[in-house]
Amino acid sequence: MAVATARAILFTLKVRGIPIPDETYARILECGNLFILRPRLEKAFTVNSAEELFE
């Protein structure tokens, strides 16, 4: 489930045209904690940069 959520975050950013640095891409995919990923998925719809997911 965590992998699917991480991919959903990356897909959302990609569709919105937000660049995803390699380090951020890896950081999202390596996270296996749904309690961390779920809020980031929600934020992926409103952030202006991928780095904002970690603020």
PDB file of N, CA and C in Angstrom:
ATOM      1  N   MET A   1       0.809  -1.189   0.000  1.00  0.00           N
ATOM      2  CA  MET A   1       0.000   0.000   0.000  1.00  0.00           C
ATOM      3  C   MET A   1       0.861   1.265   0.000  1.00  0.00           C
ATOM      4  N   ALA A   2       1.983   1.232   0.716  1.00  0.00           N
ATOM      5  CA  ALA A   2       2.854   2.399   0.773  1.00  0.00           C
ATOM      6  C   ALA A   2       3.452   2.698  -0.597  1.00  0.00           C
ATOM      7  N   VAL A   3       3.816   1.658  -1.328  1.00  0.00           N
ATOM      8  CA  VAL A   3       4.398   1.860  -2.662  1.00  0.00           C
ATOM      9  C   VAL A   3       3.371   2.516  -3.583  1.00  0.00           C
ATOM     10  N   ALA A   4       2.123   2.075  -3.514  1.00  0.00           N
ATOM     11  CA  ALA A   4       1.066   2.659  -4.348  1.00  0.00           C
ATOM     12  C   ALA A   4       0.844   4.120  -3.983  1.00  0.00           C
ATOM     13  N   THR A   5       0.901   4.442  -2.710  1.00  0.00           N
ATOM     14  CA  THR A   5       0.721   5.834  -2.278  1.00  0.00           C
ATOM     15  C   THR A   5       1.890   6.689  -2.735  1.00  0.00           C
ATOM     16  N   ALA A   6       3.095   6.174  -2.621  1.00  0.00           N
ATOM     17  CA  ALA A   6       4.275   6.909  -3.094  1.00  0.00           C
ATOM     18  C   ALA A   6       4.183   7.166  -4.596  1.00  0.00           C
ATOM     19  N   ARG A   7       3.763   6.174  -5.338  1.00  0.00           N
ATOM     20  CA  ARG A   7       3.613   6.350  -6.790  1.00  0.00           C
ATOM     21  C   ARG A   7       2.511   7.339  -7.111  1.00  0.00           C
ATOM     22  N   ALA A   8       1.456   7.357  -6.314  1.00  0.00           N
ATOM     23  CA  ALA A   8       0.375   8.326  -6.517  1.00  0.00           C
ATOM     24  C   ALA A   8       0.879   9.751  -6.288  1.00  0.00           C
ATOM     25  N   ILE A   9       1.735   9.929  -5.300  1.00  0.00           N
ATOM     26  CA  ILE A   9       2.332  11.246  -5.049  1.00  0.00           C
ATOM     27  C   ILE A   9       3.144  11.682  -6.256  1.00  0.00           C
ATOM     28  N   LEU A  10       4.004  10.802  -6.732  1.00  0.00           N
ATOM     29  CA  LEU A  10       4.856  11.123  -7.874  1.00  0.00           C
ATOM     30  C   LEU A  10       4.024  11.382  -9.125  1.00  0.00           C
ATOM     31  N   PHE A  11       2.988  10.596  -9.341  1.00  0.00           N
ATOM     32  CA  PHE A  11       2.112  10.781 -10.493  1.00  0.00           C
ATOM     33  C   PHE A  11       1.396  12.125 -10.422  1.00  0.00           C
ATOM     34  N   THR A  12       0.912  12.477  -9.262  1.00  0.00           N
ATOM     35  CA  THR A  12       0.215  13.751  -9.082  1.00  0.00           C
ATOM     36  C   THR A  12       1.137  14.917  -9.399  1.00  0.00           C
ATOM     37  N   LEU A  13       2.349  14.866  -8.881  1.00  0.00           N
ATOM     38  CA  LEU A  13       3.306  15.936  -9.167  1.00  0.00           C
ATOM     39  C   LEU A  13       3.614  16.008 -10.660  1.00  0.00           C
ATOM     40  N   LYS A  14       3.799  14.852 -11.282  1.00  0.00           N
ATOM     41  CA  LYS A  14       4.118  14.805 -12.714  1.00  0.00           C
ATOM     42  C   LYS A  14       2.987  15.396 -13.546  1.00  0.00           C
ATOM     43  N   VAL A  15       1.758  15.004 -13.263  1.00  0.00           N
ATOM     44  CA  VAL A  15       0.601  15.502 -14.011  1.00  0.00           C
ATOM     45  C   VAL A  15       0.457  17.016 -13.850  1.00  0.00           C
ATOM     46  N   ARG A  16       0.804  17.510 -12.677  1.00  0.00           N
ATOM     47  CA  ARG A  16       0.728  18.948 -12.417  1.00  0.00           C
ATOM     48  C   ARG A  16       1.900  19.706 -13.017  1.00  0.00           C
ATOM     49  N   GLY A  17       2.866  18.977 -13.585  1.00  0.00           N
ATOM     50  CA  GLY A  17       4.010  19.630 -14.223  1.00  0.00           C
ATOM     51  C   GLY A  17       5.067  20.113 -13.254  1.00  0.00           C
ATOM     52  N   ILE A  18       5.082  19.540 -12.069  1.00  0.00           N
ATOM     53  CA  ILE A  18       6.057  19.932 -11.055  1.00  0.00           C
ATOM     54  C   ILE A  18       7.287  19.038 -11.168  1.00  0.00           C
ATOM     55  N   PRO A  19       8.450  19.644 -11.381  1.00  0.00           N
ATOM     56  CA  PRO A  19       9.685  18.844 -11.482  1.00  0.00           C
ATOM     57  C   PRO A  19       9.977  18.109 -10.172  1.00  0.00           C
ATOM     58  N   ILE A  20      10.489  16.894 -10.309  1.00  0.00           N
ATOM     59  CA  ILE A  20      10.823  16.081  -9.140  1.00  0.00           C
ATOM     60  C   ILE A  20      12.317  15.754  -9.197  1.00  0.00           C
ATOM     61  N   PRO A  21      13.109  16.419  -8.363  1.00  0.00           N
ATOM     62  CA  PRO A  21      14.542  16.101  -8.323  1.00  0.00           C
ATOM     63  C   PRO A  21      14.758  14.631  -7.954  1.00  0.00           C
ATOM     64  N   ASP A  22      15.843  14.056  -8.446  1.00  0.00           N
ATOM     65  CA  ASP A  22      16.144  12.647  -8.192  1.00  0.00           C
ATOM     66  C   ASP A  22      16.142  12.312  -6.700  1.00  0.00           C
ATOM     67  N   GLU A  23      16.701  13.189  -5.891  1.00  0.00           N
ATOM     68  CA  GLU A  23      16.778  12.949  -4.444  1.00  0.00           C
ATOM     69  C   GLU A  23      15.375  12.897  -3.832  1.00  0.00           C
ATOM     70  N   THR A  24      14.512  13.784  -4.266  1.00  0.00           N
ATOM     71  CA  THR A  24      13.138  13.812  -3.760  1.00  0.00           C
ATOM     72  C   THR A  24      12.372  12.592  -4.242  1.00  0.00           C
ATOM     73  N   TYR A  25      12.571  12.214  -5.485  1.00  0.00           N
ATOM     74  CA  TYR A  25      11.936  11.032  -6.061  1.00  0.00           C
ATOM     75  C   TYR A  25      12.285   9.795  -5.228  1.00  0.00           C
ATOM     76  N   ALA A  26      13.555   9.633  -4.952  1.00  0.00           N
ATOM     77  CA  ALA A  26      14.016   8.482  -4.165  1.00  0.00           C
ATOM     78  C   ALA A  26      13.479   8.537  -2.740  1.00  0.00           C
ATOM     79  N   ARG A  27      13.466   9.724  -2.157  1.00  0.00           N
ATOM     80  CA  ARG A  27      12.995   9.886  -0.777  1.00  0.00           C
ATOM     81  C   ARG A  27      11.524   9.474  -0.646  1.00  0.00           C
ATOM     82  N   ILE A  28      10.723   9.833  -1.638  1.00  0.00           N
ATOM     83  CA  ILE A  28       9.306   9.477  -1.621  1.00  0.00           C
ATOM     84  C   ILE A  28       9.142   7.964  -1.785  1.00  0.00           C
ATOM     85  N   LEU A  29       9.834   7.377  -2.758  1.00  0.00           N
ATOM     86  CA  LEU A  29       9.699   5.942  -3.005  1.00  0.00           C
ATOM     87  C   LEU A  29      10.232   5.079  -1.861  1.00  0.00           C
ATOM     88  N   GLU A  30      11.233   5.551  -1.170  1.00  0.00           N
ATOM     89  CA  GLU A  30      11.842   4.768  -0.093  1.00  0.00           C
ATOM     90  C   GLU A  30      11.037   4.803   1.201  1.00  0.00           C
ATOM     91  N   CYS A  31      10.107   5.738   1.303  1.00  0.00           N
ATOM     92  CA  CYS A  31       9.308   5.846   2.519  1.00  0.00           C
ATOM     93  C   CYS A  31       8.268   4.733   2.530  1.00  0.00           C
ATOM     94  N   GLY A  32       8.228   3.965   3.582  1.00  0.00           N
ATOM     95  CA  GLY A  32       7.271   2.871   3.685  1.00  0.00           C
ATOM     96  C   GLY A  32       6.202   3.113   4.743  1.00  0.00           C
ATOM     97  N   ASN A  33       6.113   4.353   5.213  1.00  0.00           N
ATOM     98  CA  ASN A  33       5.206   4.678   6.300  1.00  0.00           C
ATOM     99  C   ASN A  33       3.982   5.425   5.764  1.00  0.00           C
ATOM    100  N   LEU A  34       2.832   4.779   5.804  1.00  0.00           N
ATOM    101  CA  LEU A  34       1.610   5.409   5.305  1.00  0.00           C
ATOM    102  C   LEU A  34       1.212   6.644   6.098  1.00  0.00           C
ATOM    103  N   PHE A  35       1.551   6.695   7.375  1.00  0.00           N
ATOM    104  CA  PHE A  35       1.228   7.866   8.184  1.00  0.00           C
ATOM    105  C   PHE A  35       1.991   9.100   7.716  1.00  0.00           C
ATOM    106  N   ILE A  36       3.112   8.897   7.056  1.00  0.00           N
ATOM    107  CA  ILE A  36       3.879   9.992   6.474  1.00  0.00           C
ATOM    108  C   ILE A  36       3.413  10.264   5.044  1.00  0.00           C
ATOM    109  N   LEU A  37       3.175   9.202   4.296  1.00  0.00           N
ATOM    110  CA  LEU A  37       2.830   9.355   2.878  1.00  0.00           C
ATOM    111  C   LEU A  37       1.433   9.925   2.640  1.00  0.00           C
ATOM    112  N   ARG A  38       0.450   9.529   3.419  1.00  0.00           N
ATOM    113  CA  ARG A  38      -0.925   9.992   3.184  1.00  0.00           C
ATOM    114  C   ARG A  38      -1.048  11.514   3.197  1.00  0.00           C
ATOM    115  N   PRO A  39      -0.517  12.206   4.208  1.00  0.00           N
ATOM    116  CA  PRO A  39      -0.596  13.675   4.192  1.00  0.00           C
ATOM    117  C   PRO A  39       0.177  14.282   3.016  1.00  0.00           C
ATOM    118  N   ARG A  40       1.262  13.626   2.624  1.00  0.00           N
ATOM    119  CA  ARG A  40       2.032  14.137   1.487  1.00  0.00           C
ATOM    120  C   ARG A  40       1.266  13.973   0.182  1.00  0.00           C
ATOM    121  N   LEU A  41       0.478  12.926   0.093  1.00  0.00           N
ATOM    122  CA  LEU A  41      -0.365  12.753  -1.093  1.00  0.00           C
ATOM    123  C   LEU A  41      -1.370  13.899  -1.168  1.00  0.00           C
ATOM    124  N   GLU A  42      -1.967  14.253  -0.064  1.00  0.00           N
ATOM    125  CA  GLU A  42      -2.907  15.370  -0.044  1.00  0.00           C
ATOM    126  C   GLU A  42      -2.213  16.675  -0.425  1.00  0.00           C
ATOM    127  N   LYS A  43      -1.016  16.886   0.086  1.00  0.00           N
ATOM    128  CA  LYS A  43      -0.260  18.100  -0.227  1.00  0.00           C
ATOM    129  C   LYS A  43       0.167  18.154  -1.685  1.00  0.00           C
ATOM    130  N   ALA A  44       0.351  16.990  -2.314  1.00  0.00           N
ATOM    131  CA  ALA A  44       0.820  16.938  -3.703  1.00  0.00           C
ATOM    132  C   ALA A  44      -0.116  17.680  -4.651  1.00  0.00           C
ATOM    133  N   PHE A  45      -1.369  17.850  -4.265  1.00  0.00           N
ATOM    134  CA  PHE A  45      -2.337  18.547  -5.104  1.00  0.00           C
ATOM    135  C   PHE A  45      -2.223  20.068  -5.022  1.00  0.00           C
ATOM    136  N   THR A  46      -1.490  20.574  -4.017  1.00  0.00           N
ATOM    137  CA  THR A  46      -1.462  22.026  -3.816  1.00  0.00           C
ATOM    138  C   THR A  46      -0.072  22.652  -3.783  1.00  0.00           C
ATOM    139  N   VAL A  47       0.978  21.849  -3.633  1.00  0.00           N
ATOM    140  CA  VAL A  47       2.330  22.409  -3.523  1.00  0.00           C
ATOM    141  C   VAL A  47       2.793  23.004  -4.849  1.00  0.00           C
ATOM    142  N   ASN A  48       3.760  23.911  -4.750  1.00  0.00           N
ATOM    143  CA  ASN A  48       4.353  24.523  -5.940  1.00  0.00           C
ATOM    144  C   ASN A  48       5.684  23.897  -6.315  1.00  0.00           C
ATOM    145  N   SER A  49       6.233  23.097  -5.406  1.00  0.00           N
ATOM    146  CA  SER A  49       7.477  22.376  -5.692  1.00  0.00           C
ATOM    147  C   SER A  49       7.445  21.059  -4.921  1.00  0.00           C
ATOM    148  N   ALA A  50       8.168  20.079  -5.415  1.00  0.00           N
ATOM    149  CA  ALA A  50       8.199  18.768  -4.764  1.00  0.00           C
ATOM    150  C   ALA A  50       8.802  18.868  -3.364  1.00  0.00           C
ATOM    151  N   GLU A  51       9.730  19.790  -3.172  1.00  0.00           N
ATOM    152  CA  GLU A  51      10.379  19.937  -1.884  1.00  0.00           C
ATOM    153  C   GLU A  51       9.403  20.392  -0.797  1.00  0.00           C
ATOM    154  N   GLU A  52       8.324  21.078  -1.203  1.00  0.00           N
ATOM    155  CA  GLU A  52       7.333  21.545  -0.234  1.00  0.00           C
ATOM    156  C   GLU A  52       6.626  20.387   0.469  1.00  0.00           C
ATOM    157  N   LEU A  53       6.680  19.212  -0.096  1.00  0.00           N
ATOM    158  CA  LEU A  53       6.046  18.045   0.544  1.00  0.00           C
ATOM    159  C   LEU A  53       6.671  17.755   1.903  1.00  0.00           C
ATOM    160  N   PHE A  54       7.906  18.166   2.107  1.00  0.00           N
ATOM    161  CA  PHE A  54       8.638  17.847   3.328  1.00  0.00           C
ATOM    162  C   PHE A  54       8.643  18.981   4.333  1.00  0.00           C
ATOM    163  N   GLU A  55       7.893  20.023   4.064  1.00  0.00           N
ATOM    164  CA  GLU A  55       7.836  21.155   4.999  1.00  0.00           C
ATOM    165  C   GLU A  55       6.744  20.947   6.016  1.00  0.00           C
TER     166      GLU A  55
END
